[in-house]
Each structure stands twice: as C-alpha cells, then as structure tokens.
C-alpha atoms as a PDB file:
ATOM      1  CA  MET A   1       2.452 -14.247   2.210  1.00  0.00           C
ATOM      2  CA  ILE A   2      -0.269 -11.826   3.288  1.00  0.00           C
ATOM      3  CA  THR A   3      -0.038  -8.285   1.941  1.00  0.00           C
ATOM      4  CA  GLY A   4      -2.114  -5.232   2.803  1.00  0.00           C
ATOM      5  CA  ILE A   5      -3.182  -2.346   0.598  1.00  0.00           C
ATOM      6  CA  SER A   6      -4.847   0.799   1.910  1.00  0.00           C
ATOM      7  CA  PHE A   7      -6.918   3.127  -0.248  1.00  0.00           C
ATOM      8  CA  GLY A   8      -9.047   6.186   0.299  1.00  0.00           C
ATOM      9  CA  ARG A   9     -12.091   4.279   1.490  1.00  0.00           C
ATOM     10  CA  GLY A  10     -10.773   1.125   3.139  1.00  0.00           C
ATOM     11  CA  VAL A  11      -8.261  -1.699   3.406  1.00  0.00           C
ATOM     12  CA  ILE A  12      -7.513  -4.794   1.330  1.00  0.00           C
ATOM     13  CA  PHE A  13      -5.635  -7.911   2.435  1.00  0.00           C
ATOM     14  CA  HIS A  14      -4.505 -10.451  -0.132  1.00  0.00           C
ATOM     15  CA  ASP A  15      -2.125 -13.232  -1.060  1.00  0.00           C
ATOM     16  CA  SER A  16      -1.284 -14.478  -4.556  1.00  0.00           C
ATOM     17  CA  ARG A  17      -4.698 -16.106  -5.019  1.00  0.00           C
ATOM     18  CA  VAL A  18      -7.471 -14.261  -3.178  1.00  0.00           C
ATOM     19  CA  LEU A  19      -8.223 -10.886  -1.683  1.00  0.00           C
ATOM     20  CA  ALA A  20     -10.711  -9.411   0.754  1.00  0.00           C
ATOM     21  CA  CYS A  21     -11.793  -5.790   0.955  1.00  0.00           C
ATOM     22  CA  ALA A  22     -13.573  -3.771   3.630  1.00  0.00           C
ATOM     23  CA  GLU A  23     -14.567  -0.265   2.609  1.00  0.00           C
ATOM     24  CA  VAL A  24     -16.616   2.547   4.095  1.00  0.00           C
ATOM     25  CA  ARG A  25     -19.483   3.927   2.046  1.00  0.00           C
ATOM     26  CA  GLU A  26     -21.729   6.576   3.611  1.00  0.00           C
ATOM     27  CA  GLY A  27     -20.478   5.668   7.067  1.00  0.00           C
ATOM     28  CA  VAL A  28     -21.210   1.930   6.686  1.00  0.00           C
ATOM     29  CA  ILE A  29     -18.547  -0.777   6.338  1.00  0.00           C
ATOM     30  CA  HIS A  30     -19.097  -3.054   3.330  1.00  0.00           C
ATOM     31  CA  VAL A  31     -17.029  -6.210   2.752  1.00  0.00           C
ATOM     32  CA  TRP A  32     -16.376  -8.443  -0.233  1.00  0.00           C
ATOM     33  CA  ALA A  33     -13.860 -11.114  -1.203  1.00  0.00           C
ATOM     34  CA  GLU A  34     -13.012 -12.988  -4.367  1.00  0.00           C
ATOM     35  CA  LYS A  35     -10.352 -14.883  -6.254  1.00  0.00           C
ATOM     36  CA  ILE A  36      -7.774 -12.611  -7.900  1.00  0.00           C
ATOM     37  CA  THR A  37      -8.426 -12.134 -11.612  1.00  0.00           C
ATOM     38  CA  LEU A  38      -7.889  -9.313 -14.092  1.00  0.00           C
ATOM     39  CA  ARG A  39     -11.383  -8.102 -13.209  1.00  0.00           C
ATOM     40  CA  THR A  40     -10.445  -8.039  -9.522  1.00  0.00           C
ATOM     41  CA  ILE A  41      -7.287  -6.058 -10.240  1.00  0.00           C
ATOM     42  CA  GLY A  42      -9.393  -3.589 -12.212  1.00  0.00           C
ATOM     43  CA  LYS A  43     -11.766  -3.177  -9.247  1.00  0.00           C
ATOM     44  CA  LEU A  44      -8.759  -2.587  -7.017  1.00  0.00           C
ATOM     45  CA  TRP A  45      -7.273   0.103  -9.259  1.00  0.00           C
ATOM     46  CA  LEU A  46     -10.620   1.891  -9.582  1.00  0.00           C
ATOM     47  CA  ARG A  47     -10.802   2.110  -5.801  1.00  0.00           C
ATOM     48  CA  MET A  48      -7.243   3.306  -5.462  1.00  0.00           C
ATOM     49  CA  VAL A  49      -7.705   6.067  -8.048  1.00  0.00           C
ATOM     50  CA  PHE A  50     -11.279   7.252  -7.598  1.00  0.00           C
ATOM     51  CA  THR A  51     -11.543   7.221  -3.800  1.00  0.00           C
ATOM     52  CA  LEU A  52      -8.968   9.995  -3.490  1.00  0.00           C
ATOM     53  CA  PRO A  53     -10.300  13.485  -2.680  1.00  0.00           C
ATOM     54  CA  TRP A  54     -11.519  15.435  -5.704  1.00  0.00           C
ATOM     55  CA  THR A  55      -8.555  17.811  -5.467  1.00  0.00           C
ATOM     56  CA  TYR A  56      -6.152  14.908  -6.041  1.00  0.00           C
ATOM     57  CA  GLN A  57      -8.215  13.597  -8.938  1.00  0.00           C
ATOM     58  CA  LEU A  58      -8.340  17.049 -10.537  1.00  0.00           C
ATOM     59  CA  PHE A  59      -4.569  17.413 -10.180  1.00  0.00           C
ATOM     60  CA  HIS A  60      -3.935  13.975 -11.685  1.00  0.00           C
ATOM     61  CA  LEU A  61      -6.233  14.719 -14.613  1.00  0.00           C
ATOM     62  CA  SER A  62      -4.515  18.086 -15.150  1.00  0.00           C
ATOM     63  CA  LEU A  63      -1.100  16.394 -15.005  1.00  0.00           C
ATOM     64  CA  ILE A  64      -2.084  13.824 -17.636  1.00  0.00           C
ATOM     65  CA  LEU A  65      -3.569  16.494 -19.922  1.00  0.00           C
ATOM     66  CA  TYR A  66      -0.514  18.704 -19.509  1.00  0.00           C
ATOM     67  CA  LEU A  67       1.865  15.850 -20.353  1.00  0.00           C
ATOM     68  CA  LEU A  68      -0.198  15.165 -23.486  1.00  0.00           C
ATOM     69  CA  TYR A  69      -0.799  18.801 -24.449  1.00  0.00           C
ATOM     70  CA  PRO A  70       1.875  21.044 -22.860  1.00  0.00           C
ATOM     71  CA  VAL A  71       0.875  24.705 -22.754  1.00  0.00           C
ATOM     72  CA  TRP A  72       3.550  26.549 -20.757  1.00  0.00           C
ATOM     73  CA  GLY A  73       6.534  24.597 -21.959  1.00  0.00           C
ATOM     74  CA  GLU A  74       7.121  20.890 -21.964  1.00  0.00           C
ATOM     75  CA  ILE A  75       7.575  18.951 -18.721  1.00  0.00           C
ATOM     76  CA  SER A  76       9.452  15.687 -18.997  1.00  0.00           C
ATOM     77  CA  PRO A  77       7.042  12.752 -18.591  1.00  0.00           C
ATOM     78  CA  TRP A  78       9.738  11.088 -16.462  1.00  0.00           C
ATOM     79  CA  TRP A  79       8.621  13.358 -13.616  1.00  0.00           C
ATOM     80  CA  ALA A  80       5.371  11.386 -13.491  1.00  0.00           C
ATOM     81  CA  ILE A  81       7.400   8.377 -12.296  1.00  0.00           C
ATOM     82  CA  VAL A  82       9.050  10.466  -9.589  1.00  0.00           C
ATOM     83  CA  TYR A  83       5.629  11.732  -8.522  1.00  0.00           C
ATOM     84  CA  ALA A  84       4.293   8.153  -8.383  1.00  0.00           C
ATOM     85  CA  PHE A  85       7.104   7.156  -6.011  1.00  0.00           C
ATOM     86  CA  GLY A  86       6.677  10.311  -3.959  1.00  0.00           C
ATOM     87  CA  PHE A  87       2.915   9.940  -3.645  1.00  0.00           C
ATOM     88  CA  HIS A  88       3.475   7.970  -0.418  1.00  0.00           C
ATOM     89  CA  PHE A  89       4.481  11.275   1.156  1.00  0.00           C
ATOM     90  CA  LEU A  90       1.354  13.019  -0.146  1.00  0.00           C
ATOM     91  CA  PHE A  91      -1.324  10.620   1.075  1.00  0.00           C
ATOM     92  CA  PRO A  92      -4.543  12.418   2.069  1.00  0.00           C
ATOM     93  CA  ARG A  93      -5.488  12.326   5.749  1.00  0.00           C
ATOM     94  CA  ARG A  94      -8.121   9.583   5.497  1.00  0.00           C
ATOM     95  CA  LEU A  95      -5.820   7.296   3.503  1.00  0.00           C
ATOM     96  CA  LYS A  96      -3.078   7.788   6.099  1.00  0.00           C
ATOM     97  CA  MET A  97      -5.517   6.649   8.794  1.00  0.00           C
ATOM     98  CA  PHE A  98      -6.509   3.514   6.878  1.00  0.00           C
ATOM     99  CA  HIS A  99      -2.799   2.902   6.262  1.00  0.00           C
ATOM    100  CA  GLY A 100      -2.130   3.187   9.983  1.00  0.00           C
ATOM    101  CA  ALA A 101      -4.994   0.799  10.771  1.00  0.00           C
ATOM    102  CA  GLU A 102      -3.634  -1.733   8.267  1.00  0.00           C
ATOM    103  CA  HIS A 103      -0.212  -1.572   9.935  1.00  0.00           C
ATOM    104  CA  LYS A 104      -1.645  -2.000  13.426  1.00  0.00           C
ATOM    105  CA  VAL A 105      -3.534  -5.126  12.361  1.00  0.00           C
ATOM    106  CA  PHE A 106      -0.269  -6.560  11.025  1.00  0.00           C
ATOM    107  CA  SER A 107       1.669  -5.562  14.140  1.00  0.00           C
ATOM    108  CA  TYR A 108      -0.759  -6.984  16.669  1.00  0.00           C
ATOM    109  CA  GLY A 109       0.546 -10.351  17.841  1.00  0.00           C
ATOM    110  CA  GLY A 110      -2.672 -11.772  19.275  1.00  0.00           C
ATOM    111  CA  GLU A 111      -5.751 -13.108  17.547  1.00  0.00           C
ATOM    112  CA  LYS A 112      -7.036 -10.440  15.194  1.00  0.00           C
ATOM    113  CA  LYS A 113     -10.710  -9.957  16.014  1.00  0.00           C
ATOM    114  CA  LEU A 114     -13.129  -7.120  16.689  1.00  0.00           C
ATOM    115  CA  GLU A 115     -13.120  -7.880  20.411  1.00  0.00           C
ATOM    116  CA  ALA A 116      -9.375  -7.065  20.439  1.00  0.00           C
ATOM    117  CA  LEU A 117      -9.854  -3.636  18.845  1.00  0.00           C
ATOM    118  CA  ALA A 118      -8.619  -1.747  21.915  1.00  0.00           C
ATOM    119  CA  ALA A 119      -5.437  -3.845  22.030  1.00  0.00           C
ATOM    120  CA  ILE A 120      -4.910  -3.516  18.279  1.00  0.00           C
ATOM    121  CA  ARG A 121      -5.171   0.264  18.669  1.00  0.00           C
ATOM    122  CA  GLN A 122      -2.071   0.095  20.920  1.00  0.00           C
ATOM    123  CA  ALA A 123      -0.039  -1.935  18.395  1.00  0.00           C
ATOM    124  CA  ASP A 124       2.923  -0.451  16.542  1.00  0.00           C
ATOM    125  CA  ILE A 125       1.966   1.711  13.569  1.00  0.00           C
ATOM    126  CA  VAL A 126       5.254   0.801  11.830  1.00  0.00           C
ATOM    127  CA  ASN A 127       5.288  -2.215   9.504  1.00  0.00           C
ATOM    128  CA  SER A 128       8.723  -3.586   8.610  1.00  0.00           C
ATOM    129  CA  GLY A 129       7.408  -4.783   5.226  1.00  0.00           C
ATOM    130  CA  CYS A 130       5.715  -1.524   4.224  1.00  0.00           C
ATOM    131  CA  SER A 131       6.189  -0.208   0.695  1.00  0.00           C
ATOM    132  CA  THR A 132       7.528   2.985   2.301  1.00  0.00           C
ATOM    133  CA  ASN A 133      10.797   1.019   2.540  1.00  0.00           C
ATOM    134  CA  TYR A 134      11.100   0.899  -1.239  1.00  0.00           C
ATOM    135  CA  VAL A 135      10.113   4.538  -1.648  1.00  0.00           C
ATOM    136  CA  THR A 136      12.897   5.380   0.803  1.00  0.00           C
ATOM    137  CA  TYR A 137      15.442   3.316  -1.143  1.00  0.00           C
ATOM    138  CA  PHE A 138      14.372   5.014  -4.374  1.00  0.00           C
ATOM    139  CA  PHE A 139      14.820   8.578  -3.161  1.00  0.00           C
ATOM    140  CA  LEU A 140      18.062   7.865  -1.284  1.00  0.00           C
ATOM    141  CA  CYS A 141      19.559   6.857  -4.641  1.00  0.00           C
ATOM    142  CA  PHE A 142      17.576   9.124  -6.950  1.00  0.00           C
ATOM    143  CA  LEU A 143      18.200  12.473  -5.247  1.00  0.00           C
ATOM    144  CA  PRO A 144      22.034  12.313  -5.165  1.00  0.00           C
ATOM    145  CA  ALA A 145      22.096  11.020  -8.757  1.00  0.00           C
ATOM    146  CA  LEU A 146      19.892  13.922  -9.886  1.00  0.00           C
ATOM    147  CA  GLY A 147      22.687  16.301  -8.966  1.00  0.00           C
ATOM    148  CA  PHE A 148      24.936  15.097 -11.781  1.00  0.00           C
ATOM    149  CA  LEU A 149      22.899  12.809 -14.077  1.00  0.00           C
ATOM    150  CA  PRO A 150      19.968  13.417 -16.444  1.00  0.00           C
ATOM    151  CA  LEU A 151      16.500  12.795 -15.022  1.00  0.00           C
ATOM    152  CA  ALA A 152      15.930   9.456 -16.789  1.00  0.00           C
ATOM    153  CA  TRP A 153      19.274   8.075 -15.609  1.00  0.00           C
ATOM    154  CA  SER A 154      18.605   9.297 -12.072  1.00  0.00           C
ATOM    155  CA  ILE A 155      15.293   7.414 -12.057  1.00  0.00           C
ATOM    156  CA  LEU A 156      17.141   4.316 -13.290  1.00  0.00           C
ATOM    157  CA  ILE A 157      19.613   4.674 -10.406  1.00  0.00           C
ATOM    158  CA  GLY A 158      16.639   4.987  -8.061  1.00  0.00           C
ATOM    159  CA  GLY A 159      15.213   1.791  -9.544  1.00  0.00           C
ATOM    160  CA  PHE A 160      18.487   0.001  -8.880  1.00  0.00           C
ATOM    161  CA  GLY A 161      18.266   1.295  -5.320  1.00  0.00           C
ATOM    162  CA  VAL A 162      14.837  -0.314  -4.949  1.00  0.00           C
ATOM    163  CA  MET A 163      16.160  -3.658  -6.218  1.00  0.00           C
ATOM    164  CA  ALA A 164      19.231  -3.457  -3.984  1.00  0.00           C
ATOM    165  CA  GLY A 165      17.023  -2.617  -1.018  1.00  0.00           C
ATOM    166  CA  TYR A 166      14.770  -5.569  -1.747  1.00  0.00           C
ATOM    167  CA  LEU A 167      17.742  -7.944  -1.861  1.00  0.00           C
ATOM    168  CA  GLY A 168      19.197  -6.352   1.254  1.00  0.00           C
ATOM    169  CA  GLN A 169      15.959  -6.860   3.180  1.00  0.00           C
ATOM    170  CA  LYS A 170      15.891 -10.474   2.072  1.00  0.00           C
ATOM    171  CA  HIS A 171      19.527 -11.442   2.682  1.00  0.00           C
ATOM    172  CA  LEU A 172      21.213  -8.717   4.775  1.00  0.00           C
ATOM    173  CA  ARG A 173      18.488  -7.615   7.156  1.00  0.00           C
ATOM    174  CA  HIS A 174      20.910  -6.636   9.928  1.00  0.00           C
ATOM    175  CA  GLY A 175      22.873  -4.359   7.607  1.00  0.00           C
ATOM    176  CA  MET A 176      19.675  -2.611   6.513  1.00  0.00           C
ATOM    177  CA  LYS A 177      18.856  -1.364  10.010  1.00  0.00           C
ATOM    178  CA  PRO A 178      19.727   2.321   9.399  1.00  0.00           C
ATOM    179  CA  LEU A 179      17.613   2.454   6.228  1.00  0.00           C
ATOM    180  CA  LEU A 180      14.745   0.597   7.868  1.00  0.00           C
ATOM    181  CA  ALA A 181      14.953   3.014  10.792  1.00  0.00           C
ATOM    182  CA  LEU A 182      14.577   5.922   8.353  1.00  0.00           C
ATOM    183  CA  SER A 183      11.602   4.195   6.732  1.00  0.00           C
ATOM    184  CA  ALA A 184      10.085   3.595  10.175  1.00  0.00           C
ATOM    185  CA  PHE A 185      10.449   7.307  10.976  1.00  0.00           C
ATOM    186  CA  LEU A 186       8.704   8.220   7.712  1.00  0.00           C
ATOM    187  CA  GLN A 187       5.928   5.705   8.366  1.00  0.00           C
ATOM    188  CA  ARG A 188       5.355   7.026  11.867  1.00  0.00           C
ATOM    189  CA  HIS A 189       5.383  10.722  10.960  1.00  0.00           C
ATOM    190  CA  VAL A 190       4.539  11.023   7.245  1.00  0.00           C
ATOM    191  CA  THR A 191       2.829   8.087   5.524  1.00  0.00           C
ATOM    192  CA  THR A 192       0.478   7.001   8.336  1.00  0.00           C
ATOM    193  CA  ARG A 193      -1.735   8.682  10.911  1.00  0.00           C
ATOM    194  CA  GLU A 194      -3.251   7.315  14.121  1.00  0.00           C
ATOM    195  CA  PRO A 195      -6.519   5.660  13.048  1.00  0.00           C
ATOM    196  CA  GLU A 196      -9.912   6.119  14.637  1.00  0.00           C
ATOM    197  CA  ARG A 197     -12.275   3.294  15.550  1.00  0.00           C
ATOM    198  CA  LEU A 198     -13.904   3.221  12.102  1.00  0.00           C
ATOM    199  CA  HIS A 199     -10.556   2.747  10.350  1.00  0.00           C
ATOM    200  CA  LEU A 200      -9.460   0.016  12.764  1.00  0.00           C
ATOM    201  CA  GLU A 201     -12.758  -1.850  12.493  1.00  0.00           C
ATOM    202  CA  THR A 202     -12.569  -1.646   8.702  1.00  0.00           C
ATOM    203  CA  ALA A 203      -9.045  -3.121   8.684  1.00  0.00           C
ATOM    204  CA  ILE A 204      -9.982  -5.883  11.143  1.00  0.00           C
ATOM    205  CA  ARG A 205     -13.076  -6.872   9.150  1.00  0.00           C
ATOM    206  CA  SER A 206     -11.001  -7.003   5.979  1.00  0.00           C
ATOM    207  CA  TYR A 207      -8.430  -9.273   7.623  1.00  0.00           C
ATOM    208  CA  LEU A 208     -11.068 -11.572   9.123  1.00  0.00           C
ATOM    209  CA  LEU A 209     -12.851 -11.920   5.787  1.00  0.00           C
ATOM    210  CA  PHE A 210      -9.547 -12.614   4.041  1.00  0.00           C
ATOM    211  CA  GLN A 211      -8.707 -15.417   6.474  1.00  0.00           C
ATOM    212  CA  HIS A 212     -12.189 -16.929   6.119  1.00  0.00           C
ATOM    213  CA  TYR A 213     -12.262 -16.713   2.326  1.00  0.00           C
ATOM    214  CA  ARG A 214      -8.711 -18.051   1.960  1.00  0.00           C
ATOM    215  CA  LYS A 215      -9.556 -21.118   4.060  1.00  0.00           C
ATOM    216  CA  ARG A 216     -12.707 -21.734   2.044  1.00  0.00           C
ATOM    217  CA  HIS A 217     -10.872 -21.281  -1.248  1.00  0.00           C
ATOM    218  CA  THR A 218      -8.046 -23.622  -0.168  1.00  0.00           C
ATOM    219  CA  ALA A 219     -10.560 -26.243   0.994  1.00  0.00           C
ATOM    220  CA  ALA A 220     -12.351 -26.054  -2.358  1.00  0.00           C
ATOM    221  CA  ILE A 221      -9.059 -26.597  -4.231  1.00  0.00           C
ATOM    222  CA  HIS A 222      -8.205 -29.625  -2.080  1.00  0.00           C
ATOM    223  CA  THR A 223     -11.673 -31.093  -2.617  1.00  0.00           C
ATOM    224  CA  LYS A 224     -11.359 -30.603  -6.373  1.00  0.00           C
ATOM    225  CA  GLU A 225      -7.896 -32.234  -6.409  1.00  0.00           C
ATOM    226  CA  ALA A 226      -9.136 -35.169  -4.338  1.00  0.00           C
ATOM    227  CA  ALA A 227     -12.075 -35.686  -6.669  1.00  0.00           C
ATOM    228  CA  ALA A 228      -9.783 -35.575  -9.715  1.00  0.00           C
ATOM    229  CA  SER A 229      -7.461 -38.213  -8.265  1.00  0.00           C
END
C-alpha cells in the first residue's frame, strides 16, 4: 500500500520497504529515495519537526521545557498527546498546501506525470485514507468523555475511538459515511489548502521517484532470490 506524508518543505511517498522524498530548498526541488531503515525514519522525523516555521518550533520547545520545569503551575503532560492529535488542525499554510498537493496526486485517476499537472490540479483535494479520519475519530470520542472523565481516561476513550474507526473503515465502510463526510469537510476546509504549481510539481516528482525506486528495489530482490536458488 502506498502512503503519503506531507511536511513543511515537501512530500514523501512510501510503502513498507522504500520511500521517496521531494523537497523544496531555496526554491529548487530536490529528490531522494532509499530503503526504509532506522536512519531513514530519523531523516523523516527531522524534516517533519525542523521544517515547521520558527514560531512553531519555539512553541514546541517552550512546551517541552514547561512540562519539564513548570513555572506557573503544573500542566498535565497528557495535554501534549491531545495537542499532537490536534496538530492536524494547526498546520501552517505551506504544509497545508503540500498536504493538498499530496491528496490531489492520490485522487487523480490518470497516469501521474508532470505533463498531467493541470489535470492533477483539478483532482479532489479530499483523500478517503487521510490521517484526518483518525484525528476526527479521536476528538469525537475524546471531547464528550472529557465532560465527565479525567483527562487520561478521556484520551484512552479517544484512542479506542481511533481503533474503532480503523476497524469500521476496514469492515463497515458504508456505515462510516457520516464520519468520513465530517473528515472530508475538515480536509477540504481545515487541514489542506489549494496548492500552487510548486507544491503540485513537488508531490508529482516524489510519486514518480517512488514508483521508479520501488520497481528497481523489487527487481533487485527478485534477482538476488533467483541467484540464491
């Protein structure tokens, strides 16, 4: 299964074995691809954290320091989990545009290539498999529970909501339509933004590189297996 991840500077497409990244640095699109390892995951997390605007990074640093060394009264560290789930609704503008470009590449039914950029621009910005679904499930269960349960238990209820939503998407898709419609509304109006050409080209290049590298990696595995037999 192909999965997409957007970050503050670009878009990543991956499966369980390899990933490809296209990112914008000083107005130029750079691409790279490699087999997924712990080192690769580290590179991914560095991009997700340190490509956010400086205001976000300063707030995150302040939040960590405050949780470690509270000054104006202690804040429960459980709120950090709630913030992590809610961060989808706080994406900076550029990240929303890369997120929208990622979704449009997924939604486009034709061959995904740079020559089809204009058609990809017209594709649906909603992705039925977006992680916004799970954020929606979390808060639909967490917020009512918070009215009568302690914070930690409310987060646990939210976690159960995520698991139930996952199973519902997998086995009861028709019954999930109202929740998926809510997630689609949030994707369209909150967690994504209409991308510009640079964001679309970045997402397309990432997808093309992923497809190329995955084929090459699969061919290398088959060659190795054939040689071993």
